[in-house]
């Protein structure tokens, strides 16, 4: 267990950040899945900018690596274009 006040605070703040990052990452994954399951092109095209924005935010906060974000955006864009 931590012995300093600052270490205790760090433990609390890390837990809050972990929970928030986990929620945002899971929400983004569900949105990506919704695009991949979309059957109509208009629906997928409408969702694409929102999901790309979510992916960019995760990469900016280092929840996912920037290269992974680029790969996801590229694959989703190609998928939507092929519908």
N, C-alpha and C. Protein backbone atom coordinates (compact mmCIF):
# COMPACT_ATOMS: atom_id res chain seq x y z
N UNK A 1 0.84 -1.19 0.00
CA UNK A 1 0.00 0.00 0.00
C UNK A 1 0.88 1.24 0.00
N UNK A 2 0.35 2.30 -0.57
CA UNK A 2 1.10 3.55 -0.68
C UNK A 2 1.27 4.19 0.69
N UNK A 3 2.40 4.87 0.85
CA UNK A 3 2.71 5.51 2.12
C UNK A 3 2.57 7.02 2.10
N UNK A 4 2.46 7.62 0.93
CA UNK A 4 2.40 9.07 0.82
C UNK A 4 1.03 9.52 0.34
N UNK A 5 0.66 10.74 0.74
CA UNK A 5 -0.63 11.29 0.32
C UNK A 5 -0.71 11.39 -1.20
N UNK A 6 0.39 11.82 -1.82
CA UNK A 6 0.38 12.00 -3.28
C UNK A 6 0.22 10.65 -3.98
N UNK A 7 0.80 9.60 -3.41
CA UNK A 7 0.68 8.27 -4.01
C UNK A 7 -0.76 7.75 -3.90
N UNK A 8 -1.40 8.05 -2.77
CA UNK A 8 -2.80 7.65 -2.60
C UNK A 8 -3.69 8.38 -3.60
N UNK A 9 -3.41 9.67 -3.79
CA UNK A 9 -4.18 10.45 -4.77
C UNK A 9 -3.96 9.91 -6.18
N UNK A 10 -2.71 9.55 -6.48
CA UNK A 10 -2.40 9.01 -7.80
C UNK A 10 -3.16 7.71 -8.04
N UNK A 11 -3.28 6.87 -7.04
CA UNK A 11 -4.03 5.62 -7.16
C UNK A 11 -5.49 5.91 -7.47
N UNK A 12 -6.07 6.90 -6.76
CA UNK A 12 -7.47 7.25 -7.00
C UNK A 12 -7.66 7.81 -8.41
N UNK A 13 -6.79 8.71 -8.82
CA UNK A 13 -6.96 9.35 -10.13
C UNK A 13 -6.71 8.34 -11.26
N UNK A 14 -5.76 7.43 -11.08
CA UNK A 14 -5.50 6.41 -12.10
C UNK A 14 -6.72 5.50 -12.28
N UNK A 15 -7.39 5.18 -11.19
CA UNK A 15 -8.57 4.32 -11.27
C UNK A 15 -9.69 5.03 -12.04
N UNK A 16 -9.89 6.31 -11.76
CA UNK A 16 -10.92 7.07 -12.48
C UNK A 16 -10.61 7.13 -13.97
N UNK A 17 -9.34 7.38 -14.31
CA UNK A 17 -8.95 7.45 -15.72
C UNK A 17 -9.09 6.10 -16.39
N UNK A 18 -8.76 5.02 -15.68
CA UNK A 18 -8.86 3.68 -16.24
C UNK A 18 -10.30 3.35 -16.60
N UNK A 19 -11.22 3.67 -15.69
CA UNK A 19 -12.63 3.37 -15.93
C UNK A 19 -13.16 4.18 -17.10
N UNK A 20 -12.80 5.47 -17.18
CA UNK A 20 -13.26 6.32 -18.27
C UNK A 20 -12.69 5.85 -19.61
N UNK A 21 -11.39 5.51 -19.64
CA UNK A 21 -10.77 5.03 -20.87
C UNK A 21 -11.42 3.73 -21.33
N UNK A 22 -11.71 2.84 -20.37
CA UNK A 22 -12.34 1.56 -20.70
C UNK A 22 -13.72 1.79 -21.30
N UNK A 23 -14.49 2.72 -20.73
CA UNK A 23 -15.82 3.02 -21.24
C UNK A 23 -15.75 3.59 -22.66
N UNK A 24 -14.86 4.55 -22.87
CA UNK A 24 -14.75 5.18 -24.18
C UNK A 24 -14.26 4.19 -25.24
N UNK A 25 -13.32 3.32 -24.86
CA UNK A 25 -12.79 2.33 -25.80
C UNK A 25 -13.89 1.33 -26.19
N UNK A 26 -14.65 0.87 -25.22
CA UNK A 26 -15.72 -0.09 -25.48
C UNK A 26 -16.80 0.55 -26.34
N UNK A 27 -17.14 1.81 -26.08
CA UNK A 27 -18.15 2.51 -26.86
C UNK A 27 -17.71 2.64 -28.32
N UNK A 28 -16.43 2.94 -28.52
CA UNK A 28 -15.89 3.05 -29.87
C UNK A 28 -15.93 1.71 -30.58
N UNK A 29 -15.56 0.65 -29.89
CA UNK A 29 -15.59 -0.68 -30.52
C UNK A 29 -17.00 -1.06 -30.92
N UNK A 30 -17.99 -0.72 -30.09
CA UNK A 30 -19.38 -1.01 -30.43
C UNK A 30 -19.82 -0.21 -31.65
N UNK A 31 -19.37 1.04 -31.76
CA UNK A 31 -19.72 1.87 -32.91
C UNK A 31 -19.08 1.32 -34.19
N UNK A 32 -17.84 0.84 -34.07
CA UNK A 32 -17.17 0.22 -35.23
C UNK A 32 -17.94 -1.02 -35.67
N UNK A 33 -18.37 -1.81 -34.72
CA UNK A 33 -19.13 -3.02 -35.04
C UNK A 33 -20.45 -2.66 -35.72
N UNK A 34 -21.08 -1.56 -35.28
CA UNK A 34 -22.35 -1.14 -35.88
C UNK A 34 -22.15 -0.77 -37.35
N UNK A 35 -21.02 -0.12 -37.66
CA UNK A 35 -20.73 0.22 -39.06
C UNK A 35 -20.51 -1.04 -39.87
N UNK A 36 -19.76 -1.99 -39.33
CA UNK A 36 -19.46 -3.22 -40.06
C UNK A 36 -20.70 -4.07 -40.30
N UNK A 37 -21.69 -3.94 -39.41
CA UNK A 37 -22.93 -4.71 -39.57
C UNK A 37 -23.97 -3.97 -40.38
N UNK A 38 -23.69 -2.72 -40.73
CA UNK A 38 -24.65 -1.92 -41.50
C UNK A 38 -24.81 -2.52 -42.90
N UNK A 39 -26.06 -2.57 -43.35
CA UNK A 39 -26.34 -3.13 -44.66
C UNK A 39 -26.61 -2.04 -45.70
N UNK A 40 -27.06 -0.88 -45.24
CA UNK A 40 -27.33 0.22 -46.15
C UNK A 40 -26.16 1.19 -46.17
N UNK A 41 -25.78 1.61 -47.36
CA UNK A 41 -24.63 2.51 -47.50
C UNK A 41 -24.89 3.86 -46.85
N UNK A 42 -26.09 4.39 -46.99
CA UNK A 42 -26.41 5.71 -46.43
C UNK A 42 -26.25 5.71 -44.91
N UNK A 43 -26.65 4.62 -44.28
CA UNK A 43 -26.53 4.49 -42.84
C UNK A 43 -25.06 4.46 -42.42
N UNK A 44 -24.26 3.69 -43.13
CA UNK A 44 -22.84 3.58 -42.81
C UNK A 44 -22.11 4.89 -43.06
N UNK A 45 -22.45 5.57 -44.15
CA UNK A 45 -21.81 6.86 -44.47
C UNK A 45 -22.13 7.90 -43.40
N UNK A 46 -23.35 7.85 -42.86
CA UNK A 46 -23.74 8.80 -41.83
C UNK A 46 -22.98 8.55 -40.52
N UNK A 47 -22.71 7.29 -40.21
CA UNK A 47 -22.03 6.94 -38.96
C UNK A 47 -20.52 7.13 -39.03
N UNK A 48 -19.95 7.08 -40.22
CA UNK A 48 -18.49 7.07 -40.38
C UNK A 48 -17.80 8.29 -39.75
N UNK A 49 -18.23 9.53 -39.97
CA UNK A 49 -17.51 10.67 -39.37
C UNK A 49 -17.53 10.65 -37.84
N UNK A 50 -18.63 10.17 -37.27
CA UNK A 50 -18.73 10.10 -35.81
C UNK A 50 -17.72 9.09 -35.27
N UNK A 51 -17.62 7.94 -35.91
CA UNK A 51 -16.71 6.89 -35.45
C UNK A 51 -15.26 7.32 -35.66
N UNK A 52 -14.97 7.97 -36.77
CA UNK A 52 -13.61 8.44 -37.01
C UNK A 52 -13.20 9.46 -35.94
N UNK A 53 -14.13 10.31 -35.55
CA UNK A 53 -13.86 11.28 -34.49
C UNK A 53 -13.58 10.57 -33.16
N UNK A 54 -14.35 9.53 -32.86
CA UNK A 54 -14.13 8.76 -31.64
C UNK A 54 -12.75 8.11 -31.65
N UNK A 55 -12.37 7.55 -32.78
CA UNK A 55 -11.06 6.89 -32.91
C UNK A 55 -9.94 7.91 -32.71
N UNK A 56 -10.10 9.09 -33.32
CA UNK A 56 -9.08 10.14 -33.17
C UNK A 56 -8.92 10.57 -31.72
N UNK A 57 -10.02 10.67 -31.00
CA UNK A 57 -9.96 11.06 -29.59
C UNK A 57 -9.22 10.01 -28.75
N UNK A 58 -9.47 8.73 -29.05
CA UNK A 58 -8.76 7.67 -28.32
C UNK A 58 -7.27 7.72 -28.61
N UNK A 59 -6.90 7.99 -29.85
CA UNK A 59 -5.49 8.06 -30.20
C UNK A 59 -4.83 9.27 -29.55
N UNK A 60 -5.55 10.38 -29.50
CA UNK A 60 -5.00 11.59 -28.91
C UNK A 60 -4.71 11.40 -27.42
N UNK A 61 -5.56 10.62 -26.75
CA UNK A 61 -5.38 10.36 -25.32
C UNK A 61 -4.50 9.15 -25.04
N UNK A 62 -3.91 8.57 -26.09
CA UNK A 62 -3.04 7.39 -25.98
C UNK A 62 -3.76 6.17 -25.40
N UNK A 63 -5.06 6.09 -25.61
CA UNK A 63 -5.77 4.87 -25.23
C UNK A 63 -5.45 3.79 -26.26
N UNK A 64 -5.38 4.19 -27.55
CA UNK A 64 -4.90 3.29 -28.59
C UNK A 64 -3.74 3.98 -29.31
N UNK A 65 -2.91 3.20 -29.95
CA UNK A 65 -1.76 3.74 -30.66
C UNK A 65 -2.23 4.48 -31.90
N UNK A 66 -1.48 5.50 -32.29
CA UNK A 66 -1.88 6.31 -33.44
C UNK A 66 -1.88 5.49 -34.74
N UNK A 67 -0.97 4.53 -34.86
CA UNK A 67 -0.96 3.67 -36.06
C UNK A 67 -2.20 2.78 -36.11
N UNK A 68 -2.61 2.29 -34.97
CA UNK A 68 -3.84 1.47 -34.91
C UNK A 68 -5.04 2.32 -35.30
N UNK A 69 -5.06 3.56 -34.85
CA UNK A 69 -6.16 4.46 -35.22
C UNK A 69 -6.19 4.67 -36.73
N UNK A 70 -5.02 4.88 -37.32
CA UNK A 70 -4.96 5.08 -38.77
C UNK A 70 -5.43 3.83 -39.51
N UNK A 71 -5.01 2.67 -39.04
CA UNK A 71 -5.43 1.41 -39.68
C UNK A 71 -6.94 1.22 -39.58
N UNK A 72 -7.51 1.51 -38.41
CA UNK A 72 -8.95 1.36 -38.24
C UNK A 72 -9.71 2.30 -39.16
N UNK A 73 -9.28 3.55 -39.22
CA UNK A 73 -9.96 4.54 -40.06
C UNK A 73 -9.87 4.14 -41.54
N UNK A 74 -8.72 3.68 -41.95
CA UNK A 74 -8.52 3.28 -43.34
C UNK A 74 -9.42 2.10 -43.69
N UNK A 75 -9.43 1.09 -42.86
CA UNK A 75 -10.22 -0.10 -43.13
C UNK A 75 -11.72 0.21 -43.13
N UNK A 76 -12.15 1.06 -42.18
CA UNK A 76 -13.57 1.43 -42.14
C UNK A 76 -13.97 2.23 -43.38
N UNK A 77 -13.10 3.14 -43.80
CA UNK A 77 -13.40 3.95 -44.98
C UNK A 77 -13.50 3.08 -46.22
N UNK A 78 -12.56 2.14 -46.36
CA UNK A 78 -12.60 1.24 -47.50
C UNK A 78 -13.85 0.35 -47.45
N UNK A 79 -14.22 -0.09 -46.25
CA UNK A 79 -15.41 -0.92 -46.12
C UNK A 79 -16.67 -0.18 -46.53
N UNK A 80 -16.80 1.06 -46.04
CA UNK A 80 -17.99 1.86 -46.36
C UNK A 80 -18.04 2.15 -47.85
N UNK A 81 -16.89 2.40 -48.47
CA UNK A 81 -16.86 2.66 -49.91
C UNK A 81 -17.25 1.43 -50.73
N UNK A 82 -17.01 0.24 -50.17
CA UNK A 82 -17.29 -0.99 -50.93
C UNK A 82 -18.72 -1.49 -50.79
N UNK A 83 -19.48 -0.88 -49.88
CA UNK A 83 -20.88 -1.34 -49.68
C UNK A 83 -21.69 -1.04 -50.92
